[in-house]
C-alpha atoms as a PDB file:
ATOM      1  CA  MET A   1       0.000   0.000   0.000  1.00  0.00           C
ATOM      2  CA  ALA A   2       1.009   3.650  -0.508  1.00  0.00           C
ATOM      3  CA  SER A   3       2.439   5.823   2.272  1.00  0.00           C
ATOM      4  CA  SER A   4       2.480   9.596   2.701  1.00  0.00           C
ATOM      5  CA  SER A   5       6.200   9.802   1.831  1.00  0.00           C
ATOM      6  CA  ALA A   6       5.998   7.724  -1.371  1.00  0.00           C
ATOM      7  CA  SER A   7       2.856   9.205  -2.951  1.00  0.00           C
ATOM      8  CA  PRO A   8       1.014  11.875  -0.961  1.00  0.00           C
ATOM      9  CA  CYS A   9      -1.523  12.563  -3.717  1.00  0.00           C
ATOM     10  CA  PHE A  10      -3.070   9.087  -4.041  1.00  0.00           C
ATOM     11  CA  ARG A  11      -5.391   7.168  -1.668  1.00  0.00           C
ATOM     12  CA  ALA A  12      -4.120   3.977  -0.094  1.00  0.00           C
ATOM     13  CA  ALA A  13      -6.233   0.798  -0.558  1.00  0.00           C
ATOM     14  CA  PRO A  14      -7.660  -0.747   2.665  1.00  0.00           C
ATOM     15  CA  ARG A  15      -6.361  -4.040   4.002  1.00  0.00           C
ATOM     16  CA  PRO A  16      -8.581  -6.677   5.671  1.00  0.00           C
ATOM     17  CA  ASP A  17      -8.052  -7.013   9.391  1.00  0.00           C
ATOM     18  CA  PRO A  18      -6.572 -10.494  10.161  1.00  0.00           C
ATOM     19  CA  LYS A  19      -7.953 -10.367  13.715  1.00  0.00           C
ATOM     20  CA  ILE A  20     -11.566 -10.456  12.497  1.00  0.00           C
ATOM     21  CA  ARG A  21     -12.673 -14.051  11.957  1.00  0.00           C
ATOM     22  CA  PRO A  22     -16.098 -15.254  10.847  1.00  0.00           C
ATOM     23  CA  ARG A  23     -18.057 -16.872  13.608  1.00  0.00           C
ATOM     24  CA  ALA A  24     -18.923 -20.556  13.329  1.00  0.00           C
ATOM     25  CA  ASP A  25     -22.469 -21.358  12.302  1.00  0.00           C
ATOM     26  CA  PRO A  26     -24.313 -22.804  15.354  1.00  0.00           C
ATOM     27  CA  PHE A  27     -26.991 -24.426  13.194  1.00  0.00           C
ATOM     28  CA  ASP A  28     -25.199 -27.800  12.858  1.00  0.00           C
ATOM     29  CA  SER A  29     -24.676 -28.257  16.605  1.00  0.00           C
ATOM     30  CA  LEU A  30     -28.242 -27.192  17.480  1.00  0.00           C
ATOM     31  CA  LEU A  31     -29.714 -29.484  14.845  1.00  0.00           C
ATOM     32  CA  PHE A  32     -27.634 -32.382  16.141  1.00  0.00           C
ATOM     33  CA  LEU A  33     -28.847 -31.750  19.709  1.00  0.00           C
ATOM     34  CA  ALA A  34     -32.495 -31.564  18.585  1.00  0.00           C
ATOM     35  CA  ARG A  35     -32.262 -34.797  16.608  1.00  0.00           C
ATOM     36  CA  SER A  36     -30.491 -36.571  19.472  1.00  0.00           C
ATOM     37  CA  TYR A  37     -33.156 -35.429  21.956  1.00  0.00           C
ATOM     38  CA  TYR A  38     -35.990 -36.532  19.678  1.00  0.00           C
ATOM     39  CA  ALA A  39     -34.335 -39.940  19.104  1.00  0.00           C
ATOM     40  CA  LYS A  40     -33.926 -40.468  22.859  1.00  0.00           C
ATOM     41  CA  GLN A  41     -37.565 -39.526  23.512  1.00  0.00           C
ATOM     42  CA  ALA A  42     -38.816 -41.853  20.755  1.00  0.00           C
ATOM     43  CA  GLN A  43     -36.672 -44.731  22.070  1.00  0.00           C
ATOM     44  CA  PHE A  44     -37.902 -44.132  25.630  1.00  0.00           C
ATOM     45  CA  TYR A  45     -41.604 -44.249  24.718  1.00  0.00           C
ATOM     46  CA  ASP A  46     -41.052 -47.192  22.379  1.00  0.00           C
ATOM     47  CA  ASN A  47     -39.481 -49.145  25.259  1.00  0.00           C
ATOM     48  CA  ILE A  48     -42.460 -48.292  27.477  1.00  0.00           C
ATOM     49  CA  ILE A  49     -44.968 -49.525  24.886  1.00  0.00           C
ATOM     50  CA  CYS A  50     -42.942 -52.708  24.245  1.00  0.00           C
ATOM     51  CA  GLN A  51     -42.828 -53.383  27.992  1.00  0.00           C
ATOM     52  CA  LYS A  52     -46.627 -52.946  28.252  1.00  0.00           C
ATOM     53  CA  VAL A  53     -47.189 -55.341  25.343  1.00  0.00           C
ATOM     54  CA  GLN A  54     -44.822 -57.921  26.845  1.00  0.00           C
ATOM     55  CA  ASP A  55     -46.583 -57.683  30.215  1.00  0.00           C
ATOM     56  CA  ALA A  56     -49.976 -58.194  28.538  1.00  0.00           C
ATOM     57  CA  LEU A  57     -48.690 -61.232  26.607  1.00  0.00           C
ATOM     58  CA  LYS A  58     -47.168 -62.629  29.804  1.00  0.00           C
ATOM     59  CA  GLN A  59     -50.496 -62.255  31.640  1.00  0.00           C
ATOM     60  CA  GLN A  60     -52.317 -64.010  28.786  1.00  0.00           C
ATOM     61  CA  ARG A  61     -49.851 -66.909  28.880  1.00  0.00           C
ATOM     62  CA  GLU A  62     -50.190 -67.205  32.652  1.00  0.00           C
ATOM     63  CA  ALA A  63     -54.003 -67.208  32.372  1.00  0.00           C
ATOM     64  CA  LYS A  64     -53.848 -69.977  29.744  1.00  0.00           C
ATOM     65  CA  MET A  65     -51.502 -72.017  31.923  1.00  0.00           C
ATOM     66  CA  ARG A  66     -53.793 -71.607  34.935  1.00  0.00           C
ATOM     67  CA  LEU A  67     -56.759 -72.698  32.796  1.00  0.00           C
ATOM     68  CA  VAL A  68     -54.885 -75.792  31.610  1.00  0.00           C
ATOM     69  CA  ASP A  69     -53.876 -76.649  35.190  1.00  0.00           C
ATOM     70  CA  PHE A  70     -57.484 -76.215  36.333  1.00  0.00           C
ATOM     71  CA  HIS A  71     -58.727 -78.550  33.583  1.00  0.00           C
ATOM     72  CA  ARG A  72     -56.052 -81.109  34.454  1.00  0.00           C
ATOM     73  CA  GLU A  73     -56.880 -81.071  38.173  1.00  0.00           C
ATOM     74  CA  ASN A  74     -60.690 -80.526  38.314  1.00  0.00           C
ATOM     75  CA  GLN A  75     -62.180 -81.723  35.009  1.00  0.00           C
ATOM     76  CA  LYS A  76     -61.446 -85.443  34.817  1.00  0.00           C
ATOM     77  CA  LYS A  77     -63.233 -87.766  32.441  1.00  0.00           C
ATOM     78  CA  GLU A  78     -65.188 -89.567  35.113  1.00  0.00           C
ATOM     79  CA  GLN A  79     -66.449 -86.251  36.534  1.00  0.00           C
ATOM     80  CA  THR A  80     -68.016 -84.852  33.343  1.00  0.00           C
ATOM     81  CA  ARG A  81     -71.781 -84.867  32.841  1.00  0.00           C
ATOM     82  CA  GLU A  82     -71.530 -87.019  29.649  1.00  0.00           C
ATOM     83  CA  TRP A  83     -69.260 -89.753  31.092  1.00  0.00           C
ATOM     84  CA  ASP A  84     -72.074 -92.218  31.809  1.00  0.00           C
ATOM     85  CA  LEU A  85     -73.235 -92.147  28.156  1.00  0.00           C
ATOM     86  CA  ASN A  86     -69.947 -93.527  26.828  1.00  0.00           C
ATOM     87  CA  ARG A  87     -68.766 -95.555  29.790  1.00  0.00           C
ATOM     88  CA  LYS A  88     -67.256 -98.906  28.735  1.00  0.00           C
ATOM     89  CA  ASP A  89     -67.798-100.843  31.998  1.00  0.00           C
ATOM     90  CA  ILE A  90     -71.481 -99.904  32.323  1.00  0.00           C
ATOM     91  CA  LEU A  91     -72.665-103.512  31.761  1.00  0.00           C
ATOM     92  CA  GLN A  92     -70.528-104.709  34.643  1.00  0.00           C
ATOM     93  CA  ILE A  93     -71.894-102.104  37.029  1.00  0.00           C
ATOM     94  CA  GLU A  94     -75.620-102.182  36.075  1.00  0.00           C
ATOM     95  CA  PRO A  95     -77.870-104.705  37.886  1.00  0.00           C
ATOM     96  CA  PRO A  96     -79.343-107.646  35.944  1.00  0.00           C
ATOM     97  CA  LEU A  97     -82.421-107.117  33.798  1.00  0.00           C
ATOM     98  CA  GLY A  98     -85.689-107.438  35.709  1.00  0.00           C
ATOM     99  CA  SER A  99     -84.277-106.820  39.195  1.00  0.00           C
ATOM    100  CA  ILE A 100     -84.487-103.691  41.291  1.00  0.00           C
ATOM    101  CA  GLU A 101     -82.690-104.725  44.450  1.00  0.00           C
ATOM    102  CA  SER A 102     -79.209-106.146  44.176  1.00  0.00           C
ATOM    103  CA  THR A 103     -80.018-108.957  46.658  1.00  0.00           C
ATOM    104  CA  LEU A 104     -82.685-110.487  44.351  1.00  0.00           C
ATOM    105  CA  ARG A 105     -82.112-112.641  41.310  1.00  0.00           C
ATOM    106  CA  PRO A 106     -83.628-112.058  37.850  1.00  0.00           C
ATOM    107  CA  SER A 107     -86.255-114.780  38.549  1.00  0.00           C
ATOM    108  CA  SER A 108     -88.032-112.437  40.948  1.00  0.00           C
ATOM    109  CA  LEU A 109     -89.414-110.465  37.936  1.00  0.00           C
ATOM    110  CA  GLN A 110     -89.612-107.168  39.806  1.00  0.00           C
ATOM    111  CA  GLN A 111     -89.402-105.349  36.481  1.00  0.00           C
ATOM    112  CA  PHE A 112     -91.175-106.351  33.269  1.00  0.00           C
ATOM    113  CA  GLU A 113     -89.595-106.254  29.854  1.00  0.00           C
ATOM    114  CA  GLY A 114     -89.774-102.735  28.450  1.00  0.00           C
ATOM    115  CA  GLU A 115     -90.731-101.228  31.791  1.00  0.00           C
ATOM    116  CA  ASP A 116     -88.630 -98.320  32.982  1.00  0.00           C
ATOM    117  CA  VAL A 117     -89.242 -97.855  36.682  1.00  0.00           C
ATOM    118  CA  THR A 118     -86.587 -95.086  36.951  1.00  0.00           C
ATOM    119  CA  ALA A 119     -87.886 -93.019  34.048  1.00  0.00           C
ATOM    120  CA  ALA A 120     -89.430 -90.340  36.287  1.00  0.00           C
ATOM    121  CA  ASP A 121     -86.322 -90.004  38.437  1.00  0.00           C
ATOM    122  CA  ARG A 122     -84.071 -89.926  35.404  1.00  0.00           C
ATOM    123  CA  ARG A 123     -86.306 -87.367  33.715  1.00  0.00           C
ATOM    124  CA  ASP A 124     -86.155 -85.144  36.802  1.00  0.00           C
ATOM    125  CA  LEU A 125     -82.399 -85.612  36.915  1.00  0.00           C
ATOM    126  CA  GLN A 126     -82.122 -84.714  33.235  1.00  0.00           C
ATOM    127  CA  ILE A 127     -84.259 -81.599  33.726  1.00  0.00           C
ATOM    128  CA  LYS A 128     -82.134 -80.606  36.680  1.00  0.00           C
ATOM    129  CA  GLN A 129     -78.963 -81.237  34.670  1.00  0.00           C
ATOM    130  CA  GLN A 130     -80.350 -79.227  31.774  1.00  0.00           C
ATOM    131  CA  ARG A 131     -81.291 -76.336  34.054  1.00  0.00           C
ATOM    132  CA  THR A 132     -77.843 -76.423  35.677  1.00  0.00           C
ATOM    133  CA  TRP A 133     -76.156 -76.566  32.258  1.00  0.00           C
ATOM    134  CA  ILE A 134     -78.211 -73.606  30.960  1.00  0.00           C
ATOM    135  CA  GLU A 135     -77.404 -71.586  34.088  1.00  0.00           C
ATOM    136  CA  LYS A 136     -73.724 -72.315  33.630  1.00  0.00           C
ATOM    137  CA  GLN A 137     -73.952 -71.308  29.947  1.00  0.00           C
ATOM    138  CA  LYS A 138     -75.646 -68.045  30.911  1.00  0.00           C
ATOM    139  CA  GLN A 139     -73.020 -67.380  33.552  1.00  0.00           C
ATOM    140  CA  GLU A 140     -70.211 -68.152  31.094  1.00  0.00           C
ATOM    141  CA  LYS A 141     -71.782 -65.835  28.518  1.00  0.00           C
ATOM    142  CA  MET A 142     -72.153 -63.072  31.104  1.00  0.00           C
ATOM    143  CA  ASP A 143     -68.532 -63.550  32.228  1.00  0.00           C
ATOM    144  CA  LYS A 144     -67.381 -63.434  28.624  1.00  0.00           C
ATOM    145  CA  LYS A 145     -69.350 -60.236  28.026  1.00  0.00           C
ATOM    146  CA  ASN A 146     -67.844 -58.683  31.151  1.00  0.00           C
ATOM    147  CA  ASP A 147     -64.371 -59.725  30.001  1.00  0.00           C
ATOM    148  CA  GLU A 148     -64.986 -58.085  26.619  1.00  0.00           C
ATOM    149  CA  VAL A 149     -66.131 -54.877  28.306  1.00  0.00           C
ATOM    150  CA  GLN A 150     -63.055 -54.929  30.544  1.00  0.00           C
ATOM    151  CA  ASP A 151     -60.829 -55.547  27.496  1.00  0.00           C
ATOM    152  CA  SER A 152     -62.464 -52.610  25.713  1.00  0.00           C
ATOM    153  CA  ILE A 153     -61.896 -50.384  28.740  1.00  0.00           C
ATOM    154  CA  GLU A 154     -58.246 -51.438  28.993  1.00  0.00           C
ATOM    155  CA  TYR A 155     -57.761 -50.958  25.247  1.00  0.00           C
ATOM    156  CA  ALA A 156     -59.307 -47.465  25.441  1.00  0.00           C
ATOM    157  CA  ASP A 157     -57.032 -46.650  28.355  1.00  0.00           C
ATOM    158  CA  LEU A 158     -54.039 -47.881  26.356  1.00  0.00           C
ATOM    159  CA  LEU A 159     -55.030 -45.709  23.374  1.00  0.00           C
ATOM    160  CA  LYS A 160     -55.471 -42.744  25.706  1.00  0.00           C
ATOM    161  CA  ARG A 161     -51.983 -43.245  27.148  1.00  0.00           C
ATOM    162  CA  GLN A 162     -50.515 -43.638  23.667  1.00  0.00           C
ATOM    163  CA  GLN A 163     -52.166 -40.407  22.536  1.00  0.00           C
ATOM    164  CA  ALA A 164     -50.882 -38.649  25.652  1.00  0.00           C
ATOM    165  CA  VAL A 165     -47.357 -39.891  24.969  1.00  0.00           C
ATOM    166  CA  GLN A 166     -47.600 -38.803  21.337  1.00  0.00           C
ATOM    167  CA  ALA A 167     -48.917 -35.368  22.343  1.00  0.00           C
ATOM    168  CA  TYR A 168     -46.100 -34.982  24.871  1.00  0.00           C
ATOM    169  CA  ALA A 169     -43.524 -35.956  22.228  1.00  0.00           C
ATOM    170  CA  GLU A 170     -44.971 -33.442  19.753  1.00  0.00           C
ATOM    171  CA  MET A 171     -44.963 -30.744  22.446  1.00  0.00           C
ATOM    172  CA  GLU A 172     -41.319 -31.471  23.275  1.00  0.00           C
ATOM    173  CA  LEU A 173     -40.438 -31.426  19.585  1.00  0.00           C
ATOM    174  CA  ASN A 174     -42.185 -28.074  19.057  1.00  0.00           C
ATOM    175  CA  ALA A 175     -40.404 -26.640  22.083  1.00  0.00           C
ATOM    176  CA  SER A 176     -37.017 -27.851  20.822  1.00  0.00           C
ATOM    177  CA  ARG A 177     -37.817 -26.475  17.377  1.00  0.00           C
ATOM    178  CA  LYS A 178     -38.709 -23.054  18.821  1.00  0.00           C
ATOM    179  CA  HIS A 179     -35.526 -23.101  20.893  1.00  0.00           C
ATOM    180  CA  LEU A 180     -33.514 -23.974  17.794  1.00  0.00           C
ATOM    181  CA  GLN A 181     -35.141 -21.172  15.809  1.00  0.00           C
ATOM    182  CA  SER A 182     -34.422 -18.672  18.588  1.00  0.00           C
ATOM    183  CA  GLU A 183     -30.786 -19.815  18.722  1.00  0.00           C
ATOM    184  CA  ILE A 184     -30.467 -19.448  14.943  1.00  0.00           C
ATOM    185  CA  ALA A 185     -32.054 -15.981  15.058  1.00  0.00           C
ATOM    186  CA  GLN A 186     -29.664 -14.951  17.844  1.00  0.00           C
ATOM    187  CA  ALA A 187     -26.677 -16.274  15.900  1.00  0.00           C
ATOM    188  CA  ASN A 188     -27.793 -14.434  12.748  1.00  0.00           C
ATOM    189  CA  LYS A 189     -28.220 -11.247  14.788  1.00  0.00           C
ATOM    190  CA  GLU A 190     -24.719 -11.581  16.222  1.00  0.00           C
ATOM    191  CA  LEU A 191     -23.289 -12.198  12.746  1.00  0.00           C
ATOM    192  CA  SER A 192     -25.066  -9.122  11.362  1.00  0.00           C
ATOM    193  CA  GLU A 193     -23.819  -7.028  14.284  1.00  0.00           C
ATOM    194  CA  ALA A 194     -20.258  -8.256  13.686  1.00  0.00           C
ATOM    195  CA  LYS A 195     -20.533  -7.419   9.970  1.00  0.00           C
ATOM    196  CA  ARG A 196     -21.887  -3.950  10.730  1.00  0.00           C
ATOM    197  CA  GLN A 197     -19.071  -3.360  13.221  1.00  0.00           C
ATOM    198  CA  ARG A 198     -16.496  -4.449  10.640  1.00  0.00           C
ATOM    199  CA  GLU A 199     -17.980  -2.025   8.116  1.00  0.00           C
ATOM    200  CA  LEU A 200     -17.916   0.809  10.659  1.00  0.00           C
ATOM    201  CA  ASP A 201     -14.305   0.040  11.567  1.00  0.00           C
ATOM    202  CA  HIS A 202     -13.372  -0.053   7.892  1.00  0.00           C
ATOM    203  CA  LYS A 203     -15.031   3.299   7.245  1.00  0.00           C
ATOM    204  CA  SER A 204     -13.370   4.829  10.314  1.00  0.00           C
ATOM    205  CA  GLU A 205      -9.943   3.574   9.228  1.00  0.00           C
ATOM    206  CA  GLU A 206     -10.540   4.822   5.686  1.00  0.00           C
ATOM    207  CA  ALA A 207     -11.546   8.263   7.014  1.00  0.00           C
ATOM    208  CA  LYS A 208      -8.389   8.397   9.141  1.00  0.00           C
ATOM    209  CA  MET A 209      -6.230   7.490   6.148  1.00  0.00           C
ATOM    210  CA  ASN A 210      -7.950  10.131   3.993  1.00  0.00           C
ATOM    211  CA  GLU A 211      -7.417  12.746   6.699  1.00  0.00           C
ATOM    212  CA  SER A 212      -3.729  11.749   6.917  1.00  0.00           C
ATOM    213  CA  GLU A 213      -3.359  12.091   3.166  1.00  0.00           C
ATOM    214  CA  ILE A 214      -5.045  15.493   3.192  1.00  0.00           C
ATOM    215  CA  ASN A 215      -2.724  16.704   5.965  1.00  0.00           C
ATOM    216  CA  ALA A 216       0.310  15.377   4.093  1.00  0.00           C
ATOM    217  CA  THR A 217      -0.833  17.107   0.927  1.00  0.00           C
ATOM    218  CA  LEU A 218      -1.371  20.417   2.717  1.00  0.00           C
ATOM    219  CA  SER A 219       2.043  20.185   4.407  1.00  0.00           C
ATOM    220  CA  SER A 220       3.911  19.247   1.216  1.00  0.00           C
ATOM    221  CA  ALA A 221       6.268  21.980   0.035  1.00  0.00           C
ATOM    222  CA  ARG A 222       6.257  20.650  -3.519  1.00  0.00           C
ATOM    223  CA  LEU A 223       2.498  20.621  -3.927  1.00  0.00           C
ATOM    224  CA  ASN A 224       2.183  24.059  -2.291  1.00  0.00           C
ATOM    225  CA  GLU A 225       4.842  25.512  -4.623  1.00  0.00           C
ATOM    226  CA  ASN A 226       7.273  26.611  -1.978  1.00  0.00           C
ATOM    227  CA  PRO A 227       9.497  29.388  -3.426  1.00  0.00           C
ATOM    228  CA  VAL A 228      12.563  27.888  -1.785  1.00  0.00           C
ATOM    229  CA  LEU A 229      12.342  24.840  -4.046  1.00  0.00           C
ATOM    230  CA  SER A 230      12.487  27.004  -7.173  1.00  0.00           C
ATOM    231  CA  VAL A 231      15.976  28.353  -6.299  1.00  0.00           C
ATOM    232  CA  HIS A 232      18.828  26.815  -8.296  1.00  0.00           C
ATOM    233  CA  SER A 233      21.334  24.835  -6.205  1.00  0.00           C
ATOM    234  CA  THR A 234      24.490  26.266  -7.870  1.00  0.00           C
ATOM    235  CA  GLN A 235      23.065  29.490  -9.276  1.00  0.00           C
ATOM    236  CA  PRO A 236      20.960  31.070  -6.583  1.00  0.00           C
ATOM    237  CA  TRP A 237      20.174  34.027  -8.817  1.00  0.00           C
ATOM    238  CA  ARG A 238      18.107  31.785 -11.043  1.00  0.00           C
ATOM    239  CA  VAL A 239      14.885  31.971  -9.044  1.00  0.00           C
ATOM    240  CA  ARG A 240      11.274  31.820 -10.309  1.00  0.00           C
ATOM    241  CA  THR A 241       9.134  32.505  -7.328  1.00  0.00           C
ATOM    242  CA  ASP A 242       5.984  32.917  -9.375  1.00  0.00           C
ATOM    243  CA  HIS A 243       5.907  29.465 -11.037  1.00  0.00           C
ATOM    244  CA  TRP A 244       6.568  25.815 -10.137  1.00  0.00           C
ATOM    245  CA  LYS A 245       8.338  23.873 -12.858  1.00  0.00           C
ATOM    246  CA  GLY A 246       6.568  20.588 -12.147  1.00  0.00           C
ATOM    247  CA  MET A 247       7.780  17.019 -11.619  1.00  0.00           C
ATOM    248  CA  ALA A 248      10.490  15.168 -13.474  1.00  0.00           C
ATOM    249  CA  ASP A 249       9.752  12.432 -15.994  1.00  0.00           C
ATOM    250  CA  GLU A 250      11.230   9.727 -13.747  1.00  0.00           C
ATOM    251  CA  ASP A 251       8.974  10.752 -10.862  1.00  0.00           C
ATOM    252  CA  LYS A 252       5.968  10.718 -13.171  1.00  0.00           C
ATOM    253  CA  ALA A 253       6.907   7.210 -14.372  1.00  0.00           C
ATOM    254  CA  LYS A 254       7.219   5.985 -10.781  1.00  0.00           C
ATOM    255  CA  ILE A 255       3.814   7.429  -9.912  1.00  0.00           C
ATOM    256  CA  ARG A 256       2.196   5.850 -12.969  1.00  0.00           C
ATOM    257  CA  ASP A 257       3.707   2.450 -12.106  1.00  0.00           C
ATOM    258  CA  PHE A 258       2.515   2.791  -8.525  1.00  0.00           C
ATOM    259  CA  GLN A 259      -0.980   3.726  -9.754  1.00  0.00           C
ATOM    260  CA  GLN A 260      -1.062   0.623 -11.932  1.00  0.00           C
ATOM    261  CA  THR A 261      -0.025  -1.506  -8.922  1.00  0.00           C
ATOM    262  CA  GLN A 262      -2.800   0.049  -6.845  1.00  0.00           C
ATOM    263  CA  ARG A 263      -5.372  -0.663  -9.566  1.00  0.00           C
ATOM    264  CA  VAL A 264      -4.277  -4.323  -9.736  1.00  0.00           C
ATOM    265  CA  GLU A 265      -4.443  -4.623  -5.952  1.00  0.00           C
ATOM    266  CA  ALA A 266      -7.878  -2.981  -5.893  1.00  0.00           C
ATOM    267  CA  GLU A 267      -9.183  -5.445  -8.492  1.00  0.00           C
ATOM    268  CA  GLN A 268      -7.720  -8.350  -6.520  1.00  0.00           C
ATOM    269  CA  ILE A 269      -9.358  -7.106  -3.316  1.00  0.00           C
ATOM    270  CA  LYS A 270     -12.705  -6.769  -5.122  1.00  0.00           C
ATOM    271  CA  ALA A 271     -12.327 -10.308  -6.487  1.00  0.00           C
ATOM    272  CA  ASP A 272     -11.538 -11.659  -2.989  1.00  0.00           C
ATOM    273  CA  ILE A 273     -14.509  -9.829  -1.490  1.00  0.00           C
ATOM    274  CA  LEU A 274     -16.789 -11.161  -4.234  1.00  0.00           C
ATOM    275  CA  GLU A 275     -15.494 -14.702  -3.685  1.00  0.00           C
ATOM    276  CA  GLU A 276     -16.065 -14.397   0.075  1.00  0.00           C
ATOM    277  CA  GLU A 277     -19.608 -13.102  -0.462  1.00  0.00           C
ATOM    278  CA  ASN A 278     -20.329 -15.936  -2.921  1.00  0.00           C
ATOM    279  CA  ALA A 279     -19.030 -18.514  -0.426  1.00  0.00           C
ATOM    280  CA  TYR A 280     -21.160 -16.992   2.351  1.00  0.00           C
ATOM    281  CA  ALA A 281     -24.239 -16.966   0.087  1.00  0.00           C
ATOM    282  CA  LYS A 282     -23.548 -20.571  -0.920  1.00  0.00           C
ATOM    283  CA  ASN A 283     -23.244 -21.704   2.716  1.00  0.00           C
ATOM    284  CA  THR A 284     -26.422 -19.795   3.614  1.00  0.00           C
ATOM    285  CA  GLU A 285     -28.343 -21.418   0.744  1.00  0.00           C
ATOM    286  CA  TYR A 286     -27.022 -24.856   1.757  1.00  0.00           C
ATOM    287  CA  ALA A 287     -28.168 -24.307   5.339  1.00  0.00           C
ATOM    288  CA  ARG A 288     -31.604 -23.156   4.165  1.00  0.00           C
ATOM    289  CA  ARG A 289     -32.007 -26.177   1.884  1.00  0.00           C
ATOM    290  CA  TYR A 290     -30.800 -28.504   4.607  1.00  0.00           C
ATOM    291  CA  VAL A 291     -33.329 -27.096   7.096  1.00  0.00           C
ATOM    292  CA  THR A 292     -36.090 -27.366   4.466  1.00  0.00           C
ATOM    293  CA  HIS A 293     -35.064 -30.956   3.711  1.00  0.00           C
ATOM    294  CA  MET A 294     -35.032 -31.918   7.386  1.00  0.00           C
ATOM    295  CA  ALA A 295     -38.435 -30.286   7.927  1.00  0.00           C
ATOM    296  CA  HIS A 296     -39.819 -32.178   4.931  1.00  0.00           C
ATOM    297  CA  ASN A 297     -38.394 -35.473   6.238  1.00  0.00           C
ATOM    298  CA  PHE A 298     -39.888 -34.785   9.657  1.00  0.00           C
ATOM    299  CA  GLU A 299     -43.327 -34.029   8.217  1.00  0.00           C
ATOM    300  CA  THR A 300     -43.057 -37.177   6.082  1.00  0.00           C
ATOM    301  CA  MET A 301     -42.148 -39.223   9.169  1.00  0.00           C
ATOM    302  CA  LYS A 302     -45.125 -37.790  11.076  1.00  0.00           C
ATOM    303  CA  HIS A 303     -47.444 -38.523   8.156  1.00  0.00           C
ATOM    304  CA  ASN A 304     -46.154 -42.117   7.876  1.00  0.00           C
ATOM    305  CA  GLY A 305     -46.588 -42.552  11.625  1.00  0.00           C
ATOM    306  CA  ARG A 306     -50.174 -41.347  11.466  1.00  0.00           C
ATOM    307  CA  VAL A 307     -50.846 -43.666   8.499  1.00  0.00           C
ATOM    308  CA  ASP A 308     -49.300 -46.637  10.344  1.00  0.00           C
ATOM    309  CA  ASN A 309     -51.323 -45.889  13.491  1.00  0.00           C
ATOM    310  CA  SER A 310     -54.510 -45.566  11.422  1.00  0.00           C
ATOM    311  CA  ASP A 311     -53.826 -48.870   9.620  1.00  0.00           C
ATOM    312  CA  PHE A 312     -53.065 -50.583  12.930  1.00  0.00           C
ATOM    313  CA  LEU A 313     -56.302 -49.287  14.492  1.00  0.00           C
ATOM    314  CA  LYS A 314     -58.293 -50.360  11.428  1.00  0.00           C
ATOM    315  CA  THR A 315     -56.711 -53.824  11.606  1.00  0.00           C
ATOM    316  CA  GLN A 316     -57.544 -54.148  15.296  1.00  0.00           C
ATOM    317  CA  MET A 317     -61.157 -53.000  14.725  1.00  0.00           C
ATOM    318  CA  GLN A 318     -61.506 -55.480  11.828  1.00  0.00           C
ATOM    319  CA  GLU A 319     -60.136 -58.322  13.978  1.00  0.00           C
ATOM    320  CA  LYS A 320     -62.526 -57.390  16.787  1.00  0.00           C
ATOM    321  CA  ASP A 321     -65.469 -57.329  14.342  1.00  0.00           C
ATOM    322  CA  ASP A 322     -64.456 -60.791  13.054  1.00  0.00           C
ATOM    323  CA  ARG A 323     -64.230 -62.156  16.607  1.00  0.00           C
ATOM    324  CA  ASP A 324     -67.613 -60.649  17.534  1.00  0.00           C
ATOM    325  CA  LYS A 325     -69.142 -62.070  14.372  1.00  0.00           C
ATOM    326  CA  TYR A 326     -67.654 -65.509  15.065  1.00  0.00           C
ATOM    327  CA  PHE A 327     -68.902 -65.579  18.663  1.00  0.00           C
ATOM    328  CA  LYS A 328     -72.308 -64.259  17.598  1.00  0.00           C
ATOM    329  CA  GLU A 329     -72.823 -66.592  14.636  1.00  0.00           C
ATOM    330  CA  VAL A 330     -70.945 -69.726  15.766  1.00  0.00           C
ATOM    331  CA  VAL A 331     -70.214 -69.917  19.483  1.00  0.00           C
ATOM    332  CA  ASN A 332     -73.310 -68.216  20.904  1.00  0.00           C
ATOM    333  CA  THR A 333     -75.651 -70.068  18.529  1.00  0.00           C
ATOM    334  CA  ASN A 334     -74.387 -73.578  19.406  1.00  0.00           C
ATOM    335  CA  TYR A 335     -77.462 -74.534  21.395  1.00  0.00           C
ATOM    336  CA  PRO A 336     -78.501 -78.184  21.978  1.00  0.00           C
ATOM    337  CA  THR A 337     -80.926 -79.476  19.363  1.00  0.00           C
ATOM    338  CA  GLU A 338     -84.261 -81.154  20.055  1.00  0.00           C
ATOM    339  CA  GLU A 339     -82.829 -84.581  19.141  1.00  0.00           C
ATOM    340  CA  PHE A 340     -80.319 -84.281  22.023  1.00  0.00           C
ATOM    341  CA  PHE A 341     -83.156 -84.083  24.594  1.00  0.00           C
ATOM    342  CA  ASN A 342     -85.408 -86.624  22.863  1.00  0.00           C
ATOM    343  CA  GLN A 343     -82.824 -89.416  23.219  1.00  0.00           C
ATOM    344  CA  PHE A 344     -83.372 -89.560  26.978  1.00  0.00           C
ATOM    345  CA  GLY A 345     -86.273 -91.654  28.392  1.00  0.00           C
ATOM    346  CA  THR A 346     -87.235 -93.366  25.096  1.00  0.00           C
ATOM    347  CA  SER A 347     -85.008 -96.464  25.135  1.00  0.00           C
ATOM    348  CA  HIS A 348     -82.851 -98.400  27.534  1.00  0.00           C
ATOM    349  CA  ARG A 349     -79.065 -98.533  27.253  1.00  0.00           C
END
């Protein structure tokens, strides 16, 4: 750059201050923290839901095992109500034909052929058994209905908790997003303040340099046409106090060369500034596109989650409708036919 002694009539080009460094963009670190927090929250609630599902499956398995143990201990073949119809040793246990008391022989003819002296008692027993069986069926149906209502209540409670967890996750995500936006706005404000301060410092330095050049120009004896300079060194009588002879050709050549150097340096500085501004604009556009891309991916993830939840709920409702239809059309309609009751009291075993 030019100094006051070399060329007092030309302006010196400004130099960039090496102490001023661009501040790092805080967007990458804030985005990483937000994504890490969201991933931890999602993993936490996913573990909770998986634990609830495993507990429910464990309870179902334990209930099935208890039911199997109850059947093995309390429902033996000889204790069922239909065991006497298919019993293989019935002929060995029944008394001989025609006898009522076990102490009498068949020759006593206490019972005629075709006569059924126990028909009334057996009919009463069958009616009692039928009434007991119907009561048990009604009680089983009522218990099943109560179990379905309890399952519906538990399922509604589970959906309510899931919705609460999802709402809490969305609230936390919105809060982290607002915090991230505020941090980005604060960082942009600080960057703009730093840029404005750099511009003010540059203008102040340029004004000081201009003032120095003006003072040097005003104090220059050559530019002010000092009469002392017009006196000849060997012939003092040759003095022209009314006119300055001007600069020599060598001085003019040096000034022109220095001007050309300043023009080249000015063009280089402009090119560097333009390159820096292009790099800053490129980084800013990359950050904006990255934020837009992440927001689009997040909205897509939310949409896919809502679609998956909707499909899962539809699948569960369809399975429940199929179960209700099966129990209504198959299980609950499996009543004993008229032939089942007519087989009792009409013939002997």
